[in-house]
Amino acid sequence: MPSNLFRFFILVIVIYSLSATAFAHKDEQAKLDQACEDARQIALAPRRKEIYQECIQKFKKSEAVCLSEAKAYNGNRINGAPLFYELPACEKAFAFRKKHAA
């Protein structure tokens, strides 16, 4: 009987350590993903300014509409990958996700 109890405790410890590791990986992945998005937003800022200026000057839309259009721009391209996922912070997030994929 004591050996069954010992096995049970070992099993509980193994499950706990595996779940703790999974939570740690999930937390780290969230941090890396946020760093990637932060870097992308910085890289997208100049293009958003261009979109805003073009909207105001060329298309003569209202400031509110132009601000909304510029803010909504996320670097998506027709038939292509979104812009700036090749930044080092994004590459790091992708590599971590690939390494720790379930």
PDB file of N, CA and C in Angstrom:
ATOM      1  N   MET A   1       0.799  -1.201   0.000  1.00  0.00           N
ATOM      2  CA  MET A   1       0.000   0.000   0.000  1.00  0.00           C
ATOM      3  C   MET A   1       0.849   1.276   0.000  1.00  0.00           C
ATOM      4  N   PRO A   2       1.922   1.356   0.804  1.00  0.00           N
ATOM      5  CA  PRO A   2       2.742   2.554   0.770  1.00  0.00           C
ATOM      6  C   PRO A   2       3.334   2.824  -0.605  1.00  0.00           C
ATOM      7  N   SER A   3       3.649   1.776  -1.369  1.00  0.00           N
ATOM      8  CA  SER A   3       4.224   2.011  -2.686  1.00  0.00           C
ATOM      9  C   SER A   3       3.203   2.657  -3.619  1.00  0.00           C
ATOM     10  N   ASN A   4       1.921   2.331  -3.492  1.00  0.00           N
ATOM     11  CA  ASN A   4       0.881   2.975  -4.299  1.00  0.00           C
ATOM     12  C   ASN A   4       0.749   4.448  -3.931  1.00  0.00           C
ATOM     13  N   LEU A   5       0.826   4.730  -2.665  1.00  0.00           N
ATOM     14  CA  LEU A   5       0.757   6.115  -2.207  1.00  0.00           C
ATOM     15  C   LEU A   5       1.963   6.902  -2.718  1.00  0.00           C
ATOM     16  N   PHE A   6       3.119   6.309  -2.685  1.00  0.00           N
ATOM     17  CA  PHE A   6       4.334   6.935  -3.196  1.00  0.00           C
ATOM     18  C   PHE A   6       4.190   7.219  -4.699  1.00  0.00           C
ATOM     19  N   ARG A   7       3.686   6.253  -5.442  1.00  0.00           N
ATOM     20  CA  ARG A   7       3.479   6.433  -6.878  1.00  0.00           C
ATOM     21  C   ARG A   7       2.483   7.568  -7.150  1.00  0.00           C
ATOM     22  N   PHE A   8       1.450   7.606  -6.351  1.00  0.00           N
ATOM     23  CA  PHE A   8       0.455   8.665  -6.505  1.00  0.00           C
ATOM     24  C   PHE A   8       1.096  10.042  -6.305  1.00  0.00           C
ATOM     25  N   PHE A   9       1.885  10.201  -5.266  1.00  0.00           N
ATOM     26  CA  PHE A   9       2.545  11.483  -5.014  1.00  0.00           C
ATOM     27  C   PHE A   9       3.529  11.843  -6.125  1.00  0.00           C
ATOM     28  N   ILE A  10       4.240  10.861  -6.629  1.00  0.00           N
ATOM     29  CA  ILE A  10       5.161  11.107  -7.748  1.00  0.00           C
ATOM     30  C   ILE A  10       4.368  11.572  -8.965  1.00  0.00           C
ATOM     31  N   LEU A  11       3.253  10.927  -9.235  1.00  0.00           N
ATOM     32  CA  LEU A  11       2.403  11.302 -10.363  1.00  0.00           C
ATOM     33  C   LEU A  11       1.884  12.737 -10.197  1.00  0.00           C
ATOM     34  N   VAL A  12       1.458  13.091  -9.012  1.00  0.00           N
ATOM     35  CA  VAL A  12       0.977  14.444  -8.737  1.00  0.00           C
ATOM     36  C   VAL A  12       2.091  15.468  -8.960  1.00  0.00           C
ATOM     37  N   ILE A  13       3.270  15.164  -8.504  1.00  0.00           N
ATOM     38  CA  ILE A  13       4.409  16.073  -8.670  1.00  0.00           C
ATOM     39  C   ILE A  13       4.747  16.242 -10.148  1.00  0.00           C
ATOM     40  N   VAL A  14       4.742  15.173 -10.903  1.00  0.00           N
ATOM     41  CA  VAL A  14       5.050  15.240 -12.334  1.00  0.00           C
ATOM     42  C   VAL A  14       3.993  16.079 -13.062  1.00  0.00           C
ATOM     43  N   ILE A  15       2.736  15.829 -12.778  1.00  0.00           N
ATOM     44  CA  ILE A  15       1.656  16.600 -13.419  1.00  0.00           C
ATOM     45  C   ILE A  15       1.758  18.067 -13.051  1.00  0.00           C
ATOM     46  N   TYR A  16       2.014  18.355 -11.804  1.00  0.00           N
ATOM     47  CA  TYR A  16       2.149  19.745 -11.366  1.00  0.00           C
ATOM     48  C   TYR A  16       3.314  20.436 -12.068  1.00  0.00           C
ATOM     49  N   SER A  17       4.436  19.767 -12.166  1.00  0.00           N
ATOM     50  CA  SER A  17       5.598  20.399 -12.797  1.00  0.00           C
ATOM     51  C   SER A  17       5.363  20.610 -14.291  1.00  0.00           C
ATOM     52  N   LEU A  18       4.682  19.683 -14.943  1.00  0.00           N
ATOM     53  CA  LEU A  18       4.361  19.852 -16.360  1.00  0.00           C
ATOM     54  C   LEU A  18       3.408  21.012 -16.581  1.00  0.00           C
ATOM     55  N   SER A  19       2.401  21.130 -15.735  1.00  0.00           N
ATOM     56  CA  SER A  19       1.445  22.226 -15.899  1.00  0.00           C
ATOM     57  C   SER A  19       2.100  23.565 -15.564  1.00  0.00           C
ATOM     58  N   ALA A  20       2.984  23.586 -14.583  1.00  0.00           N
ATOM     59  CA  ALA A  20       3.696  24.823 -14.249  1.00  0.00           C
ATOM     60  C   ALA A  20       4.584  25.256 -15.409  1.00  0.00           C
ATOM     61  N   THR A  21       5.221  24.310 -16.056  1.00  0.00           N
ATOM     62  CA  THR A  21       6.061  24.615 -17.215  1.00  0.00           C
ATOM     63  C   THR A  21       5.214  25.152 -18.359  1.00  0.00           C
ATOM     64  N   ALA A  22       4.056  24.547 -18.583  1.00  0.00           N
ATOM     65  CA  ALA A  22       3.164  25.004 -19.651  1.00  0.00           C
ATOM     66  C   ALA A  22       2.692  26.431 -19.393  1.00  0.00           C
ATOM     67  N   PHE A  23       2.350  26.744 -18.144  1.00  0.00           N
ATOM     68  CA  PHE A  23       1.925  28.107 -17.811  1.00  0.00           C
ATOM     69  C   PHE A  23       3.079  29.096 -17.989  1.00  0.00           C
ATOM     70  N   ALA A  24       4.278  28.693 -17.632  1.00  0.00           N
ATOM     71  CA  ALA A  24       5.439  29.569 -17.792  1.00  0.00           C
ATOM     72  C   ALA A  24       5.691  29.849 -19.270  1.00  0.00           C
ATOM     73  N   HIS A  25       5.551  28.826 -20.109  1.00  0.00           N
ATOM     74  CA  HIS A  25       5.740  29.016 -21.547  1.00  0.00           C
ATOM     75  C   HIS A  25       4.660  29.929 -22.119  1.00  0.00           C
ATOM     76  N   LYS A  26       3.432  29.747 -21.657  1.00  0.00           N
ATOM     77  CA  LYS A  26       2.330  30.576 -22.146  1.00  0.00           C
ATOM     78  C   LYS A  26       2.557  32.039 -21.759  1.00  0.00           C
ATOM     79  N   ASP A  27       3.014  32.273 -20.549  1.00  0.00           N
ATOM     80  CA  ASP A  27       3.285  33.637 -20.079  1.00  0.00           C
ATOM     81  C   ASP A  27       4.428  34.261 -20.878  1.00  0.00           C
ATOM     82  N   GLU A  28       5.471  33.495 -21.107  1.00  0.00           N
ATOM     83  CA  GLU A  28       6.608  33.994 -21.888  1.00  0.00           C
ATOM     84  C   GLU A  28       6.181  34.282 -23.323  1.00  0.00           C
ATOM     85  N   GLN A  29       5.340  33.405 -23.894  1.00  0.00           N
ATOM     86  CA  GLN A  29       4.864  33.624 -25.257  1.00  0.00           C
ATOM     87  C   GLN A  29       4.049  34.910 -25.342  1.00  0.00           C
ATOM     88  N   ALA A  30       3.220  35.160 -24.356  1.00  0.00           N
ATOM     89  CA  ALA A  30       2.422  36.391 -24.348  1.00  0.00           C
ATOM     90  C   ALA A  30       3.316  37.628 -24.296  1.00  0.00           C
ATOM     91  N   LYS A  31       4.372  37.569 -23.509  1.00  0.00           N
ATOM     92  CA  LYS A  31       5.312  38.696 -23.429  1.00  0.00           C
ATOM     93  C   LYS A  31       6.027  38.910 -24.764  1.00  0.00           C
ATOM     94  N   LEU A  32       6.453  37.821 -25.390  1.00  0.00           N
ATOM     95  CA  LEU A  32       7.137  37.920 -26.676  1.00  0.00           C
ATOM     96  C   LEU A  32       6.195  38.434 -27.767  1.00  0.00           C
ATOM     97  N   ASP A  33       4.956  37.962 -27.753  1.00  0.00           N
ATOM     98  CA  ASP A  33       3.974  38.438 -28.733  1.00  0.00           C
ATOM     99  C   ASP A  33       3.712  39.930 -28.557  1.00  0.00           C
ATOM    100  N   GLN A  34       3.635  40.382 -27.318  1.00  0.00           N
ATOM    101  CA  GLN A  34       3.407  41.804 -27.063  1.00  0.00           C
ATOM    102  C   GLN A  34       4.601  42.639 -27.520  1.00  0.00           C
ATOM    103  N   ALA A  35       5.805  42.144 -27.297  1.00  0.00           N
ATOM    104  CA  ALA A  35       7.004  42.856 -27.758  1.00  0.00           C
ATOM    105  C   ALA A  35       7.011  42.953 -29.287  1.00  0.00           C
ATOM    106  N   CYS A  36       6.579  41.906 -29.945  1.00  0.00           N
ATOM    107  CA  CYS A  36       6.480  41.915 -31.407  1.00  0.00           C
ATOM    108  C   CYS A  36       5.485  42.980 -31.855  1.00  0.00           C
ATOM    109  N   GLU A  37       4.305  42.987 -31.261  1.00  0.00           N
ATOM    110  CA  GLU A  37       3.281  43.970 -31.650  1.00  0.00           C
ATOM    111  C   GLU A  37       3.731  45.397 -31.344  1.00  0.00           C
ATOM    112  N   ASP A  38       4.416  45.591 -30.240  1.00  0.00           N
ATOM    113  CA  ASP A  38       4.939  46.927 -29.920  1.00  0.00           C
ATOM    114  C   ASP A  38       5.927  47.391 -30.989  1.00  0.00           C
ATOM    115  N   ALA A  39       6.810  46.498 -31.404  1.00  0.00           N
ATOM    116  CA  ALA A  39       7.792  46.828 -32.441  1.00  0.00           C
ATOM    117  C   ALA A  39       7.098  47.112 -33.772  1.00  0.00           C
ATOM    118  N   ARG A  40       6.081  46.332 -34.097  1.00  0.00           N
ATOM    119  CA  ARG A  40       5.325  46.566 -35.333  1.00  0.00           C
ATOM    120  C   ARG A  40       4.633  47.922 -35.311  1.00  0.00           C
ATOM    121  N   GLN A  41       4.055  48.286 -34.180  1.00  0.00           N
ATOM    122  CA  GLN A  41       3.344  49.565 -34.094  1.00  0.00           C
ATOM    123  C   GLN A  41       4.305  50.734 -34.316  1.00  0.00           C
ATOM    124  N   ILE A  42       5.505  50.612 -33.787  1.00  0.00           N
ATOM    125  CA  ILE A  42       6.521  51.661 -33.999  1.00  0.00           C
ATOM    126  C   ILE A  42       6.882  51.730 -35.484  1.00  0.00           C
ATOM    127  N   ALA A  43       7.052  50.573 -36.105  1.00  0.00           N
ATOM    128  CA  ALA A  43       7.417  50.535 -37.525  1.00  0.00           C
ATOM    129  C   ALA A  43       6.280  51.027 -38.423  1.00  0.00           C
ATOM    130  N   LEU A  44       5.046  50.832 -38.006  1.00  0.00           N
ATOM    131  CA  LEU A  44       3.892  51.252 -38.792  1.00  0.00           C
ATOM    132  C   LEU A  44       3.591  52.748 -38.668  1.00  0.00           C
ATOM    133  N   ALA A  45       4.098  53.392 -37.644  1.00  0.00           N
ATOM    134  CA  ALA A  45       3.771  54.798 -37.375  1.00  0.00           C
ATOM    135  C   ALA A  45       4.041  55.730 -38.566  1.00  0.00           C
ATOM    136  N   PRO A  46       5.207  55.661 -39.222  1.00  0.00           N
ATOM    137  CA  PRO A  46       5.427  56.562 -40.363  1.00  0.00           C
ATOM    138  C   PRO A  46       4.416  56.351 -41.497  1.00  0.00           C
ATOM    139  N   ARG A  47       4.062  55.092 -41.753  1.00  0.00           N
ATOM    140  CA  ARG A  47       3.076  54.827 -42.812  1.00  0.00           C
ATOM    141  C   ARG A  47       1.708  55.369 -42.411  1.00  0.00           C
ATOM    142  N   ARG A  48       1.352  55.270 -41.156  1.00  0.00           N
ATOM    143  CA  ARG A  48       0.077  55.824 -40.693  1.00  0.00           C
ATOM    144  C   ARG A  48       0.037  57.339 -40.879  1.00  0.00           C
ATOM    145  N   LYS A  49       1.160  58.002 -40.632  1.00  0.00           N
ATOM    146  CA  LYS A  49       1.226  59.449 -40.856  1.00  0.00           C
ATOM    147  C   LYS A  49       1.021  59.771 -42.331  1.00  0.00           C
ATOM    148  N   GLU A  50       1.629  58.964 -43.208  1.00  0.00           N
ATOM    149  CA  GLU A  50       1.455  59.161 -44.653  1.00  0.00           C
ATOM    150  C   GLU A  50      -0.011  58.968 -45.061  1.00  0.00           C
ATOM    151  N   ILE A  51      -0.623  57.953 -44.531  1.00  0.00           N
ATOM    152  CA  ILE A  51      -2.031  57.679 -44.843  1.00  0.00           C
ATOM    153  C   ILE A  51      -2.900  58.856 -44.400  1.00  0.00           C
ATOM    154  N   TYR A  52      -2.618  59.361 -43.222  1.00  0.00           N
ATOM    155  CA  TYR A  52      -3.385  60.501 -42.705  1.00  0.00           C
ATOM    156  C   TYR A  52      -3.205  61.724 -43.612  1.00  0.00           C
ATOM    157  N   GLN A  53      -1.960  62.041 -43.961  1.00  0.00           N
ATOM    158  CA  GLN A  53      -1.687  63.208 -44.804  1.00  0.00           C
ATOM    159  C   GLN A  53      -2.343  63.065 -46.182  1.00  0.00           C
ATOM    160  N   GLU A  54      -2.234  61.898 -46.773  1.00  0.00           N
ATOM    161  CA  GLU A  54      -2.837  61.668 -48.079  1.00  0.00           C
ATOM    162  C   GLU A  54      -4.363  61.795 -48.005  1.00  0.00           C
ATOM    163  N   CYS A  55      -4.934  61.284 -46.964  1.00  0.00           N
ATOM    164  CA  CYS A  55      -6.374  61.354 -46.758  1.00  0.00           C
ATOM    165  C   CYS A  55      -6.841  62.812 -46.674  1.00  0.00           C
ATOM    166  N   ILE A  56      -6.118  63.628 -45.914  1.00  0.00           N
ATOM    167  CA  ILE A  56      -6.468  65.038 -45.739  1.00  0.00           C
ATOM    168  C   ILE A  56      -6.244  65.817 -47.036  1.00  0.00           C
ATOM    169  N   GLN A  57      -5.060  65.667 -47.609  1.00  0.00           N
ATOM    170  CA  GLN A  57      -4.665  66.513 -48.737  1.00  0.00           C
ATOM    171  C   GLN A  57      -5.241  66.035 -50.074  1.00  0.00           C
ATOM    172  N   LYS A  58      -5.148  64.758 -50.358  1.00  0.00           N
ATOM    173  CA  LYS A  58      -5.554  64.250 -51.668  1.00  0.00           C
ATOM    174  C   LYS A  58      -7.058  63.968 -51.744  1.00  0.00           C
ATOM    175  N   PHE A  59      -7.570  63.320 -50.700  1.00  0.00           N
ATOM    176  CA  PHE A  59      -8.968  62.895 -50.740  1.00  0.00           C
ATOM    177  C   PHE A  59      -9.915  63.882 -50.049  1.00  0.00           C
ATOM    178  N   LYS A  60      -9.360  64.884 -49.371  1.00  0.00           N
ATOM    179  CA  LYS A  60     -10.132  65.968 -48.749  1.00  0.00           C
ATOM    180  C   LYS A  60     -11.214  65.454 -47.791  1.00  0.00           C
ATOM    181  N   LYS A  61     -10.871  64.418 -47.048  1.00  0.00           N
ATOM    182  CA  LYS A  61     -11.801  63.880 -46.054  1.00  0.00           C
ATOM    183  C   LYS A  61     -11.637  64.638 -44.750  1.00  0.00           C
ATOM    184  N   SER A  62     -12.586  64.447 -43.866  1.00  0.00           N
ATOM    185  CA  SER A  62     -12.530  65.139 -42.579  1.00  0.00           C
ATOM    186  C   SER A  62     -11.390  64.584 -41.727  1.00  0.00           C
ATOM    187  N   GLU A  63     -10.965  65.380 -40.769  1.00  0.00           N
ATOM    188  CA  GLU A  63      -9.875  64.969 -39.881  1.00  0.00           C
ATOM    189  C   GLU A  63     -10.247  63.708 -39.120  1.00  0.00           C
ATOM    190  N   ALA A  64     -11.478  63.625 -38.641  1.00  0.00           N
ATOM    191  CA  ALA A  64     -11.922  62.453 -37.877  1.00  0.00           C
ATOM    192  C   ALA A  64     -11.859  61.182 -38.728  1.00  0.00           C
ATOM    193  N   VAL A  65     -12.301  61.277 -39.975  1.00  0.00           N
ATOM    194  CA  VAL A  65     -12.276  60.119 -40.866  1.00  0.00           C
ATOM    195  C   VAL A  65     -10.833  59.717 -41.146  1.00  0.00           C
ATOM    196  N   CYS A  66      -9.989  60.685 -41.409  1.00  0.00           N
ATOM    197  CA  CYS A  66      -8.582  60.394 -41.717  1.00  0.00           C
ATOM    198  C   CYS A  66      -7.846  59.796 -40.523  1.00  0.00           C
ATOM    199  N   LEU A  67      -8.120  60.302 -39.343  1.00  0.00           N
ATOM    200  CA  LEU A  67      -7.521  59.728 -38.131  1.00  0.00           C
ATOM    201  C   LEU A  67      -7.960  58.277 -37.962  1.00  0.00           C
ATOM    202  N   SER A  68      -9.226  58.034 -38.204  1.00  0.00           N
ATOM    203  CA  SER A  68      -9.760  56.677 -38.070  1.00  0.00           C
ATOM    204  C   SER A  68      -9.117  55.728 -39.085  1.00  0.00           C
ATOM    205  N   GLU A  69      -9.001  56.180 -40.332  1.00  0.00           N
ATOM    206  CA  GLU A  69      -8.387  55.338 -41.366  1.00  0.00           C
ATOM    207  C   GLU A  69      -6.921  55.060 -41.061  1.00  0.00           C
ATOM    208  N   ALA A  70      -6.208  56.082 -40.637  1.00  0.00           N
ATOM    209  CA  ALA A  70      -4.787  55.903 -40.324  1.00  0.00           C
ATOM    210  C   ALA A  70      -4.604  54.968 -39.125  1.00  0.00           C
ATOM    211  N   LYS A  71      -5.438  55.133 -38.125  1.00  0.00           N
ATOM    212  CA  LYS A  71      -5.340  54.295 -36.925  1.00  0.00           C
ATOM    213  C   LYS A  71      -5.659  52.831 -37.248  1.00  0.00           C
ATOM    214  N   ALA A  72      -6.580  52.618 -38.175  1.00  0.00           N
ATOM    215  CA  ALA A  72      -6.996  51.256 -38.531  1.00  0.00           C
ATOM    216  C   ALA A  72      -5.955  50.518 -39.369  1.00  0.00           C
ATOM    217  N   TYR A  73      -5.027  51.241 -39.974  1.00  0.00           N
ATOM    218  CA  TYR A  73      -4.021  50.600 -40.823  1.00  0.00           C
ATOM    219  C   TYR A  73      -3.130  49.679 -39.995  1.00  0.00           C
ATOM    220  N   ASN A  74      -3.040  48.418 -40.433  1.00  0.00           N
ATOM    221  CA  ASN A  74      -2.264  47.436 -39.671  1.00  0.00           C
ATOM    222  C   ASN A  74      -1.192  46.744 -40.508  1.00  0.00           C
ATOM    223  N   GLY A  75      -0.907  47.273 -41.684  1.00  0.00           N
ATOM    224  CA  GLY A  75       0.149  46.691 -42.493  1.00  0.00           C
ATOM    225  C   GLY A  75      -0.278  45.470 -43.274  1.00  0.00           C
ATOM    226  N   ASN A  76      -1.577  45.219 -43.378  1.00  0.00           N
ATOM    227  CA  ASN A  76      -2.046  44.087 -44.162  1.00  0.00           C
ATOM    228  C   ASN A  76      -1.889  44.387 -45.647  1.00  0.00           C
ATOM    229  N   ARG A  77      -1.509  43.356 -46.399  1.00  0.00           N
ATOM    230  CA  ARG A  77      -1.316  43.516 -47.837  1.00  0.00           C
ATOM    231  C   ARG A  77      -2.147  42.481 -48.581  1.00  0.00           C
ATOM    232  N   ILE A  78      -2.652  42.872 -49.740  1.00  0.00           N
ATOM    233  CA  ILE A  78      -3.417  41.946 -50.568  1.00  0.00           C
ATOM    234  C   ILE A  78      -2.456  40.878 -51.093  1.00  0.00           C
ATOM    235  N   ASN A  79      -2.842  39.631 -50.923  1.00  0.00           N
ATOM    236  CA  ASN A  79      -2.042  38.481 -51.386  1.00  0.00           C
ATOM    237  C   ASN A  79      -0.621  38.473 -50.824  1.00  0.00           C
ATOM    238  N   GLY A  80      -0.452  38.981 -49.632  1.00  0.00           N
ATOM    239  CA  GLY A  80       0.871  38.961 -49.021  1.00  0.00           C
ATOM    240  C   GLY A  80       0.768  38.963 -47.504  1.00  0.00           C
ATOM    241  N   ALA A  81       1.858  38.695 -46.884  1.00  0.00           N
ATOM    242  CA  ALA A  81       1.903  38.698 -45.424  1.00  0.00           C
ATOM    243  C   ALA A  81       1.851  40.132 -44.911  1.00  0.00           C
ATOM    244  N   PRO A  82       1.303  40.343 -43.720  1.00  0.00           N
ATOM    245  CA  PRO A  82       1.320  41.686 -43.134  1.00  0.00           C
ATOM    246  C   PRO A  82       2.755  42.175 -42.951  1.00  0.00           C
ATOM    247  N   LEU A  83       2.905  43.461 -42.955  1.00  0.00           N
ATOM    248  CA  LEU A  83       4.231  44.068 -42.829  1.00  0.00           C
ATOM    249  C   LEU A  83       4.817  43.914 -41.436  1.00  0.00           C
ATOM    250  N   PHE A  84       6.126  43.871 -41.402  1.00  0.00           N
ATOM    251  CA  PHE A  84       6.952  43.973 -40.204  1.00  0.00           C
ATOM    252  C   PHE A  84       6.924  42.774 -39.264  1.00  0.00           C
ATOM    253  N   TYR A  85       6.521  41.617 -39.753  1.00  0.00           N
ATOM    254  CA  TYR A  85       6.668  40.427 -38.917  1.00  0.00           C
ATOM    255  C   TYR A  85       8.072  39.853 -39.022  1.00  0.00           C
ATOM    256  N   GLU A  86       8.920  40.489 -39.815  1.00  0.00           N
ATOM    257  CA  GLU A  86      10.315  40.049 -39.911  1.00  0.00           C
ATOM    258  C   GLU A  86      11.211  40.782 -38.919  1.00  0.00           C
ATOM    259  N   LEU A  87      10.624  41.640 -38.109  1.00  0.00           N
ATOM    260  CA  LEU A  87      11.405  42.350 -37.086  1.00  0.00           C
ATOM    261  C   LEU A  87      11.976  41.350 -36.082  1.00  0.00           C
ATOM    262  N   PRO A  88      13.136  41.659 -35.496  1.00  0.00           N
ATOM    263  CA  PRO A  88      13.760  40.720 -34.549  1.00  0.00           C
ATOM    264  C   PRO A  88      12.827  40.285 -33.407  1.00  0.00           C
ATOM    265  N   ALA A  89      12.040  41.206 -32.877  1.00  0.00           N
ATOM    266  CA  ALA A  89      11.135  40.835 -31.776  1.00  0.00           C
ATOM    267  C   ALA A  89      10.099  39.814 -32.240  1.00  0.00           C
ATOM    268  N   CYS A  90       9.636  39.949 -33.476  1.00  0.00           N
ATOM    269  CA  CYS A  90       8.651  39.000 -34.013  1.00  0.00           C
ATOM    270  C   CYS A  90       9.297  37.656 -34.325  1.00  0.00           C
ATOM    271  N   GLU A  91      10.493  37.695 -34.880  1.00  0.00           N
ATOM    272  CA  GLU A  91      11.212  36.450 -35.154  1.00  0.00           C
ATOM    273  C   GLU A  91      11.439  35.666 -33.862  1.00  0.00           C
ATOM    274  N   LYS A  92      11.754  36.381 -32.805  1.00  0.00           N
ATOM    275  CA  LYS A  92      11.979  35.734 -31.504  1.00  0.00           C
ATOM    276  C   LYS A  92      10.684  35.083 -30.998  1.00  0.00           C
ATOM    277  N   ALA A  93       9.566  35.789 -31.142  1.00  0.00           N
ATOM    278  CA  ALA A  93       8.268  35.248 -30.714  1.00  0.00           C
ATOM    279  C   ALA A  93       7.897  34.009 -31.532  1.00  0.00           C
ATOM    280  N   PHE A  94       8.114  34.058 -32.847  1.00  0.00           N
ATOM    281  CA  PHE A  94       7.797  32.919 -33.692  1.00  0.00           C
ATOM    282  C   PHE A  94       8.675  31.721 -33.356  1.00  0.00           C
ATOM    283  N   ALA A  95       9.963  31.967 -33.135  1.00  0.00           N
ATOM    284  CA  ALA A  95      10.888  30.877 -32.802  1.00  0.00           C
ATOM    285  C   ALA A  95      10.502  30.214 -31.479  1.00  0.00           C
ATOM    286  N   PHE A  96      10.112  31.021 -30.499  1.00  0.00           N
ATOM    287  CA  PHE A  96       9.705  30.477 -29.201  1.00  0.00           C
ATOM    288  C   PHE A  96       8.443  29.627 -29.365  1.00  0.00           C
ATOM    289  N   ARG A  97       7.482  30.134 -30.150  1.00  0.00           N
ATOM    290  CA  ARG A  97       6.240  29.404 -30.374  1.00  0.00           C
ATOM    291  C   ARG A  97       6.526  28.060 -31.062  1.00  0.00           C
ATOM    292  N   LYS A  98       7.396  28.079 -32.044  1.00  0.00           N
ATOM    293  CA  LYS A  98       7.733  26.863 -32.770  1.00  0.00           C
ATOM    294  C   LYS A  98       8.444  25.866 -31.850  1.00  0.00           C
ATOM    295  N   LYS A  99       9.341  26.351 -31.038  1.00  0.00           N
ATOM    296  CA  LYS A  99      10.101  25.479 -30.132  1.00  0.00           C
ATOM    297  C   LYS A  99       9.199  24.834 -29.080  1.00  0.00           C
ATOM    298  N   HIS A 100       8.184  25.564 -28.642  1.00  0.00           N
ATOM    299  CA  HIS A 100       7.337  25.076 -27.538  1.00  0.00           C
ATOM    300  C   HIS A 100       5.941  24.683 -28.000  1.00  0.00           C
ATOM    301  N   ALA A 101       5.792  24.402 -29.284  1.00  0.00           N
ATOM    302  CA  ALA A 101       4.483  23.970 -29.803  1.00  0.00           C
ATOM    303  C   ALA A 101       4.135  22.609 -29.214  1.00  0.00           C
ATOM    304  N   ALA A 102       2.869  22.486 -28.916  1.00  0.00           N
ATOM    305  CA  ALA A 102       2.412  21.224 -28.299  1.00  0.00           C
ATOM    306  C   ALA A 102       2.175  20.145 -29.314  1.00  0.00           C
TER     307      ALA A 102
END
